Amino acid sequence: MAGLTEYIEQKAAKLLGVLLTKRRTVTFAESCTGGMLAAAFTAHAGASEALRRSFVTYCDAAKAEMLGVSAKALARYTAVSAAVAAQMAAGAKAKAGADIAVSVTGLAGPGGGTAAQPVGLVYIGCAAGDNVRVVRCIFPGSRKMVRQQAALAALRLALAAADAMPENEV
């Protein structure tokens, strides 16, 4: 599905352009996308000016150690939850010192789903300013398609946050 890959890179380029224009920064905290956001973003020249850090926190221990996600939230809600996505975004923003942080956590499949948490369930968090927004999505298709759709949705959320921010007067 080369078309979706190209669209992800186009969205990443657009996000980079807005961040550079506004002199703002971003960080990514990825679980099920496994670095896809950072790869799409850094495919473009100038990314080093806007990307503060990127975290791939595929296991619960990494979410806790690298991003400060609480063991209580992981135990009570599981890694695939709004609470964990919010803590991932807030933790990444704080650790990286970025203006915007985007987190992705979900079940890409093909196995592991339940009635309460079906395959394709993804939570995307975005921390900007003092606010954290979490979006719940259920994406259809193969593991690859779920991951790509999650990356695209995360970039859209980051772009909306970046568009809403004023230019940084550094």
Protein backbone atom coordinates (compact mmCIF):
# COMPACT_ATOMS: atom_id res chain seq x y z
CA MET A 1 0.00 0.00 0.00
CA ALA A 2 2.48 2.56 -1.25
CA GLY A 3 -0.21 5.23 -1.53
CA LEU A 4 -0.82 5.34 2.21
CA THR A 5 2.92 5.38 2.93
CA GLU A 6 3.34 8.37 0.61
CA TYR A 7 0.40 10.14 2.24
CA ILE A 8 1.93 9.60 5.70
CA GLU A 9 5.19 11.16 4.50
CA GLN A 10 3.27 14.08 2.95
CA LYS A 11 1.50 14.73 6.27
CA ALA A 12 4.82 14.50 8.10
CA ALA A 13 6.32 17.03 5.67
CA LYS A 14 3.36 19.36 6.22
CA LEU A 15 3.74 19.06 10.01
CA LEU A 16 7.45 19.78 9.70
CA GLY A 17 6.74 22.86 7.59
CA VAL A 18 4.30 24.27 10.15
CA LEU A 19 6.67 23.56 13.03
CA LEU A 20 9.60 25.22 11.25
CA THR A 21 7.52 28.27 10.33
CA LYS A 22 6.26 28.65 13.90
CA ARG A 23 9.60 27.68 15.47
CA ARG A 24 7.96 24.89 17.43
CA THR A 25 9.07 21.37 18.31
CA VAL A 26 7.56 17.90 18.48
CA THR A 27 8.27 14.56 20.08
CA PHE A 28 6.73 11.16 19.41
CA ALA A 29 5.93 8.38 21.88
CA GLU A 30 5.09 5.29 19.86
CA SER A 31 3.98 1.82 20.81
CA CYS A 32 2.09 -0.03 18.07
CA THR A 33 3.52 2.20 15.31
CA GLY A 34 7.04 1.21 16.38
CA GLY A 35 8.84 4.34 15.15
CA MET A 36 6.78 4.89 12.01
CA LEU A 37 6.04 8.51 12.97
CA ALA A 38 9.68 9.34 13.60
CA ALA A 39 10.73 7.62 10.37
CA ALA A 40 8.19 9.56 8.29
CA PHE A 41 9.13 12.84 9.97
CA THR A 42 12.88 12.41 9.63
CA ALA A 43 12.55 11.46 5.96
CA HIS A 44 12.50 15.23 5.34
CA ALA A 45 15.36 17.70 5.45
CA GLY A 46 15.13 20.07 8.38
CA ALA A 47 13.58 17.54 10.75
CA SER A 48 16.46 18.00 13.20
CA GLU A 49 15.26 21.57 13.78
CA ALA A 50 11.85 20.44 15.02
CA LEU A 51 12.17 16.91 16.42
CA ARG A 52 13.32 16.92 20.03
CA ARG A 53 13.26 13.19 20.72
CA SER A 54 11.35 10.11 19.75
CA PHE A 55 10.44 7.25 22.05
CA VAL A 56 9.53 3.73 20.98
CA THR A 57 7.93 2.24 24.06
CA TYR A 58 6.56 -1.04 22.82
CA CYS A 59 6.43 -2.81 26.18
CA ASP A 60 4.82 -1.65 29.42
CA ALA A 61 8.18 -1.39 31.19
CA ALA A 62 9.43 1.07 28.57
CA LYS A 63 6.28 3.16 28.91
CA ALA A 64 6.87 3.37 32.66
CA GLU A 65 10.67 3.86 32.58
CA MET A 66 10.98 6.23 29.63
CA LEU A 67 7.73 8.21 29.84
CA GLY A 68 6.66 7.93 33.48
CA VAL A 69 3.42 6.07 32.75
CA SER A 70 2.13 4.88 36.11
CA ALA A 71 2.08 1.19 36.95
CA LYS A 72 -1.39 1.81 38.38
CA ALA A 73 -2.74 3.03 35.02
CA LEU A 74 -1.12 0.14 33.17
CA ALA A 75 -2.59 -2.40 35.61
CA ARG A 76 -6.04 -0.84 35.82
CA TYR A 77 -6.63 0.22 32.22
CA THR A 78 -3.98 -1.73 30.22
CA ALA A 79 -1.52 -0.20 27.79
CA VAL A 80 -4.28 0.16 25.21
CA SER A 81 -6.28 2.88 26.93
CA ALA A 82 -6.99 6.58 26.92
CA ALA A 83 -5.34 6.97 30.32
CA VAL A 84 -2.07 5.45 29.13
CA ALA A 85 -2.10 7.39 25.84
CA ALA A 86 -2.54 10.62 27.83
CA GLN A 87 0.29 9.75 30.22
CA MET A 88 2.53 8.77 27.31
CA ALA A 89 1.96 12.12 25.59
CA ALA A 90 2.40 14.17 28.77
CA GLY A 91 5.50 12.21 29.76
CA ALA A 92 7.11 12.52 26.33
CA LYS A 93 6.43 16.27 26.24
CA ALA A 94 8.04 16.73 29.65
CA LYS A 95 11.04 14.46 28.96
CA ALA A 96 11.77 15.98 25.56
CA GLY A 97 10.93 19.58 26.40
CA ALA A 98 8.92 19.78 23.18
CA ASP A 99 5.99 22.03 22.37
CA ILE A 100 3.88 19.11 21.12
CA ALA A 101 3.98 15.42 21.97
CA VAL A 102 2.05 12.72 20.17
CA SER A 103 1.53 9.23 21.55
CA VAL A 104 0.15 6.08 19.93
CA THR A 105 -0.82 2.87 21.70
CA GLY A 106 -3.03 0.11 20.37
CA LEU A 107 -3.65 -3.39 19.10
CA ALA A 108 -2.40 -3.80 15.54
CA GLY A 109 -3.15 -7.53 15.42
CA PRO A 110 -3.63 -9.93 13.93
CA GLY A 111 -4.18 -11.53 17.35
CA GLY A 112 -4.62 -10.28 20.88
CA GLY A 113 -8.00 -8.64 20.50
CA THR A 114 -11.00 -9.13 22.76
CA ALA A 115 -14.58 -7.92 22.68
CA ALA A 116 -13.61 -4.98 24.89
CA GLN A 117 -10.36 -4.29 23.03
CA PRO A 118 -10.68 -5.44 19.43
CA VAL A 119 -7.81 -5.65 16.98
CA GLY A 120 -7.50 -2.23 15.37
CA LEU A 121 -8.25 -0.31 18.59
CA VAL A 122 -5.79 2.57 18.90
CA TYR A 123 -5.58 5.52 21.27
CA ILE A 124 -3.72 8.60 20.09
CA GLY A 125 -2.71 11.27 22.56
CA CYS A 126 -1.55 14.80 21.87
CA ALA A 127 -0.07 17.07 24.52
CA ALA A 128 0.22 20.74 23.56
CA GLY A 129 0.51 23.59 26.00
CA ASP A 130 -1.21 22.50 29.21
CA ASN A 131 -3.75 20.32 27.40
CA VAL A 132 -3.76 16.63 26.54
CA ARG A 133 -6.29 15.32 24.06
CA VAL A 134 -6.88 11.62 23.40
CA VAL A 135 -8.68 10.19 20.40
CA ARG A 136 -10.03 6.61 20.29
CA CYS A 137 -9.95 4.95 16.88
CA ILE A 138 -10.75 1.53 15.48
CA PHE A 139 -8.96 0.89 12.22
CA PRO A 140 -9.84 -1.96 9.84
CA GLY A 141 -7.45 -4.12 7.88
CA SER A 142 -4.18 -5.92 8.29
CA ARG A 143 -1.54 -5.22 10.92
CA LYS A 144 0.32 -3.03 8.45
CA MET A 145 -2.84 -1.09 7.58
CA VAL A 146 -3.77 -0.53 11.24
CA ARG A 147 -0.28 0.80 11.95
CA GLN A 148 -0.32 3.08 8.90
CA GLN A 149 -3.78 4.44 9.66
CA ALA A 150 -2.72 5.09 13.25
CA ALA A 151 0.38 6.97 12.08
CA LEU A 152 -1.67 9.07 9.69
CA ALA A 153 -4.26 9.90 12.37
CA ALA A 154 -1.48 10.83 14.80
CA LEU A 155 0.11 13.17 12.27
CA ARG A 156 -3.28 14.80 11.63
CA LEU A 157 -3.73 15.36 15.36
CA ALA A 158 -0.23 16.83 15.67
CA LEU A 159 -0.83 19.07 12.67
CA ALA A 160 -4.06 20.39 14.19
CA ALA A 161 -2.20 21.18 17.43
CA ALA A 162 0.65 22.86 15.56
CA ASP A 163 -1.75 24.92 13.44
CA ALA A 164 -3.46 26.17 16.60
CA MET A 165 -0.22 27.34 18.22
CA PRO A 166 1.10 30.87 17.83
CA GLU A 167 4.57 31.44 16.45
CA ASN A 168 7.29 31.01 19.06
CA GLU A 169 9.15 34.26 19.62
CA VAL A 170 12.47 32.70 20.59
